[in-house]
Amino acid sequence: MAEKSVNTEIIIQAPAAKVWAILSDLEQYATWNPFIIYAKGSFAEGQKLSVVEKAPGEKPRLFKRVLHKIVEGKEFRWMGRIFLPGLFDSERIFLLEPIDESQTRLVHKEIFRGLLVPILWGRLEWSLKAGFNKMNSALKELCEKS
């Protein structure tokens, strides 16, 4: 089974708790996030989410996701798939790594697995990475200004 990933990270001049509070408040994404322009659902493991993403150069797209891992204050992950299991599955990962009391590294990545990954990868990689970077920068700006 083919596997590819998009990996980004950014250093935020704010404590991890502050970054977590903003990042885990999915319903507020529409107010600050230029990439995930809508997110609805309970922030709890096993919960289903509706997420609308608008990657640069792309039209907004609705995705159904399931929050499958939450480590309070440190990490959360959601899973998605297109069509049947094993064709095009994805896992989005948000990981906070405290550098010190006032700095946090955000690791924001997505892993793709499945038979359709090689076919869809070329179109997906650039726009997704650009979207992640826009989101990361907006999160940094919001955390550092307030």
N, C-alpha and C. Protein backbone atom coordinates (compact mmCIF):
# COMPACT_ATOMS: atom_id res chain seq x y z
N MET A 1 0.84 -1.18 0.00
CA MET A 1 0.00 0.00 0.00
C MET A 1 0.89 1.25 0.00
N ALA A 2 0.59 2.18 -0.88
CA ALA A 2 1.39 3.41 -0.99
C ALA A 2 1.14 4.32 0.20
N GLU A 3 2.20 5.05 0.59
CA GLU A 3 2.09 6.01 1.69
C GLU A 3 2.89 7.26 1.36
N LYS A 4 2.30 8.41 1.60
CA LYS A 4 2.94 9.71 1.41
C LYS A 4 2.50 10.61 2.56
N SER A 5 3.28 11.68 2.80
CA SER A 5 2.88 12.61 3.86
C SER A 5 3.24 14.04 3.50
N VAL A 6 2.51 14.96 4.10
CA VAL A 6 2.78 16.38 4.04
C VAL A 6 3.15 16.78 5.46
N ASN A 7 4.32 17.42 5.63
CA ASN A 7 4.81 17.78 6.96
C ASN A 7 5.13 19.26 7.01
N THR A 8 4.62 19.95 8.03
CA THR A 8 4.95 21.34 8.26
C THR A 8 5.17 21.54 9.75
N GLU A 9 5.86 22.62 10.09
CA GLU A 9 5.98 23.00 11.49
C GLU A 9 6.27 24.48 11.57
N ILE A 10 5.97 25.04 12.75
CA ILE A 10 6.18 26.47 12.98
C ILE A 10 6.43 26.67 14.48
N ILE A 11 7.26 27.65 14.78
CA ILE A 11 7.52 28.03 16.18
C ILE A 11 6.59 29.20 16.53
N ILE A 12 5.87 29.04 17.61
CA ILE A 12 4.92 30.06 18.07
C ILE A 12 5.41 30.61 19.40
N GLN A 13 5.50 31.93 19.49
CA GLN A 13 5.95 32.59 20.72
C GLN A 13 4.78 32.70 21.70
N ALA A 14 4.36 31.55 22.21
CA ALA A 14 3.25 31.48 23.18
C ALA A 14 3.35 30.13 23.88
N PRO A 15 2.86 30.07 25.12
CA PRO A 15 2.87 28.79 25.83
C PRO A 15 1.99 27.75 25.15
N ALA A 16 2.35 26.50 25.30
CA ALA A 16 1.59 25.41 24.68
C ALA A 16 0.13 25.42 25.09
N ALA A 17 -0.17 25.77 26.33
CA ALA A 17 -1.57 25.79 26.80
C ALA A 17 -2.40 26.79 26.00
N LYS A 18 -1.82 27.92 25.68
CA LYS A 18 -2.53 28.93 24.90
C LYS A 18 -2.76 28.45 23.47
N VAL A 19 -1.73 27.87 22.87
CA VAL A 19 -1.85 27.35 21.51
C VAL A 19 -2.91 26.25 21.48
N TRP A 20 -2.88 25.37 22.47
CA TRP A 20 -3.85 24.27 22.55
C TRP A 20 -5.27 24.81 22.66
N ALA A 21 -5.48 25.82 23.49
CA ALA A 21 -6.83 26.37 23.68
C ALA A 21 -7.42 26.85 22.35
N ILE A 22 -6.61 27.49 21.55
CA ILE A 22 -7.09 27.99 20.26
C ILE A 22 -7.22 26.85 19.25
N LEU A 23 -6.24 26.01 19.17
CA LEU A 23 -6.22 24.93 18.18
C LEU A 23 -7.31 23.89 18.42
N SER A 24 -7.65 23.64 19.66
CA SER A 24 -8.66 22.61 19.97
C SER A 24 -10.09 23.15 19.95
N ASP A 25 -10.26 24.45 19.77
CA ASP A 25 -11.59 25.05 19.68
C ASP A 25 -12.03 25.07 18.22
N LEU A 26 -12.42 23.91 17.74
CA LEU A 26 -12.72 23.73 16.31
C LEU A 26 -13.80 24.68 15.81
N GLU A 27 -14.80 24.93 16.60
CA GLU A 27 -15.92 25.76 16.16
C GLU A 27 -15.51 27.20 15.89
N GLN A 28 -14.36 27.64 16.39
CA GLN A 28 -13.88 29.01 16.15
C GLN A 28 -12.97 29.11 14.92
N TYR A 29 -12.69 27.99 14.27
CA TYR A 29 -11.79 28.02 13.12
C TYR A 29 -12.25 29.04 12.06
N ALA A 30 -13.54 29.15 11.86
CA ALA A 30 -14.05 30.06 10.82
C ALA A 30 -13.66 31.52 11.09
N THR A 31 -13.35 31.85 12.33
CA THR A 31 -13.02 33.24 12.67
C THR A 31 -11.56 33.60 12.41
N TRP A 32 -10.69 32.60 12.26
CA TRP A 32 -9.26 32.91 12.10
C TRP A 32 -8.52 32.05 11.08
N ASN A 33 -9.07 30.94 10.71
CA ASN A 33 -8.32 29.94 9.94
C ASN A 33 -8.58 30.09 8.43
N PRO A 34 -7.56 30.44 7.64
CA PRO A 34 -7.77 30.60 6.20
C PRO A 34 -7.80 29.29 5.42
N PHE A 35 -7.48 28.18 6.08
CA PHE A 35 -7.44 26.88 5.41
C PHE A 35 -8.63 26.01 5.80
N ILE A 36 -8.83 25.78 7.09
CA ILE A 36 -10.01 25.06 7.55
C ILE A 36 -11.03 26.14 7.90
N ILE A 37 -11.88 26.43 6.92
CA ILE A 37 -12.78 27.58 7.05
C ILE A 37 -14.06 27.25 7.80
N TYR A 38 -14.25 25.98 8.12
CA TYR A 38 -15.43 25.56 8.88
C TYR A 38 -15.11 24.22 9.53
N ALA A 39 -15.45 24.09 10.79
CA ALA A 39 -15.31 22.80 11.49
C ALA A 39 -16.44 22.69 12.50
N LYS A 40 -17.12 21.57 12.48
CA LYS A 40 -18.25 21.36 13.38
C LYS A 40 -18.16 19.95 13.95
N GLY A 41 -18.39 19.85 15.25
CA GLY A 41 -18.38 18.56 15.91
C GLY A 41 -17.78 18.68 17.29
N SER A 42 -18.07 17.71 18.13
CA SER A 42 -17.56 17.70 19.50
C SER A 42 -16.09 17.31 19.52
N PHE A 43 -15.32 18.02 20.34
CA PHE A 43 -13.90 17.72 20.47
C PHE A 43 -13.72 16.62 21.51
N ALA A 44 -13.94 15.38 21.06
CA ALA A 44 -13.81 14.21 21.92
C ALA A 44 -13.48 13.01 21.05
N GLU A 45 -12.69 12.10 21.58
CA GLU A 45 -12.32 10.91 20.80
C GLU A 45 -13.55 10.16 20.34
N GLY A 46 -13.49 9.71 19.09
CA GLY A 46 -14.58 8.95 18.51
C GLY A 46 -15.66 9.80 17.87
N GLN A 47 -15.60 11.11 18.04
CA GLN A 47 -16.63 11.99 17.50
C GLN A 47 -16.41 12.27 16.02
N LYS A 48 -17.52 12.42 15.30
CA LYS A 48 -17.47 12.74 13.88
C LYS A 48 -17.42 14.25 13.71
N LEU A 49 -16.63 14.68 12.74
CA LEU A 49 -16.48 16.09 12.42
C LEU A 49 -16.86 16.33 10.97
N SER A 50 -17.39 17.52 10.73
CA SER A 50 -17.56 18.04 9.37
C SER A 50 -16.55 19.17 9.23
N VAL A 51 -15.71 19.09 8.23
CA VAL A 51 -14.62 20.05 8.05
C VAL A 51 -14.65 20.54 6.60
N VAL A 52 -14.63 21.86 6.43
CA VAL A 52 -14.51 22.43 5.09
C VAL A 52 -13.13 23.04 4.97
N GLU A 53 -12.38 22.57 3.99
CA GLU A 53 -11.03 23.07 3.75
C GLU A 53 -10.99 23.82 2.42
N LYS A 54 -10.25 24.92 2.42
CA LYS A 54 -10.03 25.67 1.18
C LYS A 54 -8.54 25.86 0.99
N ALA A 55 -7.95 24.97 0.23
CA ALA A 55 -6.53 25.07 -0.09
C ALA A 55 -6.34 26.16 -1.13
N PRO A 56 -5.17 26.83 -1.12
CA PRO A 56 -4.90 27.86 -2.13
C PRO A 56 -5.08 27.31 -3.55
N GLY A 57 -5.82 28.07 -4.36
CA GLY A 57 -6.06 27.66 -5.73
C GLY A 57 -7.13 26.60 -5.91
N GLU A 58 -7.78 26.20 -4.82
CA GLU A 58 -8.80 25.16 -4.87
C GLU A 58 -10.15 25.72 -4.41
N LYS A 59 -11.21 25.02 -4.75
CA LYS A 59 -12.54 25.34 -4.24
C LYS A 59 -12.69 24.73 -2.85
N PRO A 60 -13.54 25.31 -2.00
CA PRO A 60 -13.78 24.69 -0.68
C PRO A 60 -14.34 23.27 -0.85
N ARG A 61 -13.90 22.39 0.04
CA ARG A 61 -14.36 21.00 0.00
C ARG A 61 -14.76 20.53 1.39
N LEU A 62 -15.87 19.84 1.45
CA LEU A 62 -16.37 19.29 2.71
C LEU A 62 -15.82 17.89 2.89
N PHE A 63 -15.27 17.64 4.09
CA PHE A 63 -14.76 16.32 4.45
C PHE A 63 -15.40 15.87 5.75
N LYS A 64 -15.66 14.60 5.86
CA LYS A 64 -16.13 13.98 7.10
C LYS A 64 -14.92 13.32 7.75
N ARG A 65 -14.70 13.61 9.00
CA ARG A 65 -13.55 13.10 9.74
C ARG A 65 -14.00 12.50 11.07
N VAL A 66 -13.15 11.69 11.66
CA VAL A 66 -13.40 11.14 12.99
C VAL A 66 -12.18 11.46 13.85
N LEU A 67 -12.42 12.12 14.98
CA LEU A 67 -11.34 12.39 15.93
C LEU A 67 -11.00 11.06 16.59
N HIS A 68 -9.80 10.59 16.40
CA HIS A 68 -9.50 9.26 16.94
C HIS A 68 -8.45 9.28 18.04
N LYS A 69 -7.79 10.42 18.27
CA LYS A 69 -6.82 10.47 19.36
C LYS A 69 -6.71 11.89 19.87
N ILE A 70 -6.82 12.03 21.18
CA ILE A 70 -6.60 13.33 21.83
C ILE A 70 -5.73 13.09 23.05
N VAL A 71 -4.61 13.78 23.11
CA VAL A 71 -3.77 13.81 24.30
C VAL A 71 -3.83 15.26 24.78
N GLU A 72 -4.60 15.50 25.80
CA GLU A 72 -4.90 16.85 26.27
C GLU A 72 -3.65 17.73 26.36
N GLY A 73 -3.73 18.87 25.69
CA GLY A 73 -2.65 19.84 25.74
C GLY A 73 -1.46 19.53 24.85
N LYS A 74 -1.48 18.38 24.15
CA LYS A 74 -0.30 17.97 23.38
C LYS A 74 -0.57 17.58 21.94
N GLU A 75 -1.64 16.84 21.70
CA GLU A 75 -1.81 16.24 20.37
C GLU A 75 -3.26 15.88 20.13
N PHE A 76 -3.68 16.04 18.87
CA PHE A 76 -4.92 15.40 18.43
C PHE A 76 -4.78 14.99 16.98
N ARG A 77 -5.59 13.98 16.63
CA ARG A 77 -5.53 13.40 15.28
C ARG A 77 -6.95 13.09 14.82
N TRP A 78 -7.15 13.29 13.51
CA TRP A 78 -8.41 12.82 12.95
C TRP A 78 -8.14 12.02 11.70
N MET A 79 -9.08 11.15 11.41
CA MET A 79 -8.96 10.23 10.28
C MET A 79 -10.05 10.53 9.27
N GLY A 80 -9.73 10.24 8.02
CA GLY A 80 -10.71 10.35 6.96
C GLY A 80 -10.40 9.35 5.88
N ARG A 81 -11.36 9.18 4.99
CA ARG A 81 -11.13 8.29 3.85
C ARG A 81 -12.05 8.69 2.72
N ILE A 82 -11.60 8.36 1.55
CA ILE A 82 -12.42 8.57 0.36
C ILE A 82 -12.79 7.18 -0.16
N PHE A 83 -14.05 6.99 -0.37
CA PHE A 83 -14.58 5.73 -0.88
C PHE A 83 -14.41 4.61 0.15
N LEU A 84 -13.75 3.55 -0.21
CA LEU A 84 -13.63 2.38 0.65
C LEU A 84 -12.30 2.38 1.39
N PRO A 85 -12.22 1.71 2.55
CA PRO A 85 -10.95 1.61 3.26
C PRO A 85 -9.87 1.02 2.35
N GLY A 86 -8.68 1.62 2.43
CA GLY A 86 -7.55 1.12 1.66
C GLY A 86 -7.37 1.79 0.30
N LEU A 87 -8.34 2.60 -0.12
CA LEU A 87 -8.20 3.30 -1.39
C LEU A 87 -7.48 4.64 -1.20
N PHE A 88 -7.96 5.44 -0.24
CA PHE A 88 -7.33 6.74 0.02
C PHE A 88 -7.72 7.15 1.44
N ASP A 89 -6.90 6.74 2.39
CA ASP A 89 -7.13 7.03 3.81
C ASP A 89 -6.15 8.10 4.26
N SER A 90 -6.58 8.93 5.20
CA SER A 90 -5.69 9.98 5.68
C SER A 90 -5.79 10.13 7.18
N GLU A 91 -4.68 10.59 7.76
CA GLU A 91 -4.63 10.88 9.19
C GLU A 91 -3.96 12.25 9.35
N ARG A 92 -4.73 13.23 9.86
CA ARG A 92 -4.20 14.57 10.14
C ARG A 92 -3.72 14.59 11.58
N ILE A 93 -2.53 15.15 11.78
CA ILE A 93 -1.90 15.18 13.10
C ILE A 93 -1.53 16.61 13.45
N PHE A 94 -1.96 17.02 14.65
CA PHE A 94 -1.57 18.31 15.23
C PHE A 94 -0.82 17.98 16.52
N LEU A 95 0.45 18.34 16.58
CA LEU A 95 1.29 18.00 17.73
C LEU A 95 1.93 19.27 18.27
N LEU A 96 1.78 19.50 19.57
CA LEU A 96 2.40 20.65 20.22
C LEU A 96 3.59 20.18 21.04
N GLU A 97 4.74 20.81 20.79
CA GLU A 97 5.97 20.48 21.52
C GLU A 97 6.46 21.74 22.22
N PRO A 98 6.30 21.83 23.56
CA PRO A 98 6.81 23.00 24.27
C PRO A 98 8.33 23.08 24.13
N ILE A 99 8.80 24.24 23.76
CA ILE A 99 10.25 24.49 23.68
C ILE A 99 10.73 25.01 25.03
N ASP A 100 9.96 25.94 25.57
CA ASP A 100 10.15 26.45 26.93
C ASP A 100 8.80 27.00 27.38
N GLU A 101 8.77 27.80 28.45
CA GLU A 101 7.49 28.27 28.98
C GLU A 101 6.76 29.24 28.05
N SER A 102 7.49 29.83 27.10
CA SER A 102 6.86 30.83 26.24
C SER A 102 6.97 30.54 24.75
N GLN A 103 7.42 29.35 24.39
CA GLN A 103 7.55 28.97 22.98
C GLN A 103 7.03 27.55 22.76
N THR A 104 6.35 27.39 21.64
CA THR A 104 5.78 26.09 21.29
C THR A 104 6.04 25.80 19.83
N ARG A 105 6.42 24.58 19.54
CA ARG A 105 6.54 24.12 18.16
C ARG A 105 5.24 23.40 17.82
N LEU A 106 4.61 23.82 16.72
CA LEU A 106 3.46 23.10 16.19
C LEU A 106 3.94 22.25 15.03
N VAL A 107 3.72 20.96 15.12
CA VAL A 107 3.94 20.04 14.01
C VAL A 107 2.56 19.72 13.46
N HIS A 108 2.36 20.02 12.19
CA HIS A 108 1.07 19.86 11.53
C HIS A 108 1.33 19.02 10.29
N LYS A 109 0.79 17.81 10.28
CA LYS A 109 1.08 16.93 9.15
C LYS A 109 -0.10 16.04 8.83
N GLU A 110 -0.02 15.42 7.68
CA GLU A 110 -1.05 14.46 7.27
C GLU A 110 -0.37 13.31 6.54
N ILE A 111 -0.80 12.11 6.88
CA ILE A 111 -0.27 10.90 6.27
C ILE A 111 -1.38 10.29 5.43
N PHE A 112 -1.04 9.94 4.20
CA PHE A 112 -1.99 9.35 3.27
C PHE A 112 -1.56 7.92 2.95
N ARG A 113 -2.53 7.02 2.93
CA ARG A 113 -2.26 5.62 2.61
C ARG A 113 -3.35 5.11 1.67
N GLY A 114 -2.96 4.24 0.76
CA GLY A 114 -3.97 3.61 -0.09
C GLY A 114 -3.56 3.51 -1.54
N LEU A 115 -4.35 2.78 -2.27
CA LEU A 115 -4.06 2.49 -3.67
C LEU A 115 -4.12 3.73 -4.56
N LEU A 116 -4.95 4.72 -4.21
CA LEU A 116 -5.09 5.91 -5.05
C LEU A 116 -4.07 7.01 -4.73
N VAL A 117 -3.28 6.82 -3.69
CA VAL A 117 -2.32 7.86 -3.30
C VAL A 117 -1.38 8.25 -4.45
N PRO A 118 -0.75 7.31 -5.15
CA PRO A 118 0.17 7.71 -6.24
C PRO A 118 -0.53 8.51 -7.35
N ILE A 119 -1.79 8.22 -7.59
CA ILE A 119 -2.54 8.88 -8.65
C ILE A 119 -2.89 10.32 -8.25
N LEU A 120 -3.30 10.53 -7.01
CA LEU A 120 -3.77 11.83 -6.55
C LEU A 120 -2.68 12.71 -5.95
N TRP A 121 -1.52 12.14 -5.70
CA TRP A 121 -0.49 12.83 -4.92
C TRP A 121 0.02 14.12 -5.56
N GLY A 122 0.33 14.11 -6.85
CA GLY A 122 0.91 15.28 -7.50
C GLY A 122 0.06 16.52 -7.34
N ARG A 123 -1.24 16.38 -7.47
CA ARG A 123 -2.16 17.51 -7.36
C ARG A 123 -2.34 17.92 -5.90
N LEU A 124 -2.27 16.99 -5.02
CA LEU A 124 -2.58 17.21 -3.62
C LEU A 124 -1.44 17.84 -2.82
N GLU A 125 -0.23 17.41 -3.06
CA GLU A 125 0.89 17.79 -2.21
C GLU A 125 1.09 19.30 -2.11
N TRP A 126 1.18 20.00 -3.22
CA TRP A 126 1.45 21.43 -3.18
C TRP A 126 0.35 22.21 -2.49
N SER A 127 -0.92 21.97 -2.88
CA SER A 127 -2.01 22.76 -2.33
C SER A 127 -2.21 22.49 -0.85
N LEU A 128 -2.02 21.26 -0.43
CA LEU A 128 -2.19 20.93 0.98
C LEU A 128 -1.09 21.57 1.82
N LYS A 129 0.15 21.48 1.36
CA LYS A 129 1.26 22.09 2.11
C LYS A 129 1.06 23.61 2.20
N ALA A 130 0.64 24.23 1.13
CA ALA A 130 0.37 25.67 1.14
C ALA A 130 -0.75 26.00 2.13
N GLY A 131 -1.79 25.18 2.16
CA GLY A 131 -2.89 25.38 3.10
C GLY A 131 -2.44 25.22 4.54
N PHE A 132 -1.66 24.19 4.81
CA PHE A 132 -1.13 23.98 6.16
C PHE A 132 -0.31 25.19 6.60
N ASN A 133 0.56 25.68 5.70
CA ASN A 133 1.42 26.82 6.06
C ASN A 133 0.60 28.08 6.33
N LYS A 134 -0.46 28.30 5.55
CA LYS A 134 -1.33 29.45 5.80
C LYS A 134 -2.00 29.33 7.17
N MET A 135 -2.49 28.14 7.49
CA MET A 135 -3.12 27.90 8.78
C MET A 135 -2.12 28.10 9.92
N ASN A 136 -0.95 27.53 9.77
CA ASN A 136 0.08 27.65 10.81
C ASN A 136 0.42 29.11 11.07
N SER A 137 0.58 29.89 10.02
CA SER A 137 0.92 31.30 10.16
C SER A 137 -0.20 32.09 10.84
N ALA A 138 -1.45 31.79 10.47
CA ALA A 138 -2.59 32.46 11.09
C ALA A 138 -2.68 32.11 12.58
N LEU A 139 -2.43 30.85 12.92
CA LEU A 139 -2.44 30.43 14.32
C LEU A 139 -1.35 31.14 15.10
N LYS A 140 -0.16 31.21 14.52
CA LYS A 140 0.96 31.92 15.15
C LYS A 140 0.59 33.38 15.42
N GLU A 141 0.06 34.04 14.42
CA GLU A 141 -0.32 35.44 14.57
C GLU A 141 -1.36 35.63 15.67
N LEU A 142 -2.37 34.79 15.69
CA LEU A 142 -3.41 34.89 16.71
C LEU A 142 -2.87 34.63 18.11
N CYS A 143 -2.05 33.62 18.26
CA CYS A 143 -1.49 33.28 19.58
C CYS A 143 -0.54 34.38 20.08
N GLU A 144 0.19 34.98 19.19
CA GLU A 144 1.22 35.96 19.60
C GLU A 144 0.65 37.35 19.82
N LYS A 145 -0.53 37.65 19.27
CA LYS A 145 -1.07 39.00 19.43
C LYS A 145 -1.94 39.15 20.67
N SER A 146 -2.53 38.08 21.13
CA SER A 146 -3.46 38.23 22.26
C SER A 146 -2.84 37.81 23.57
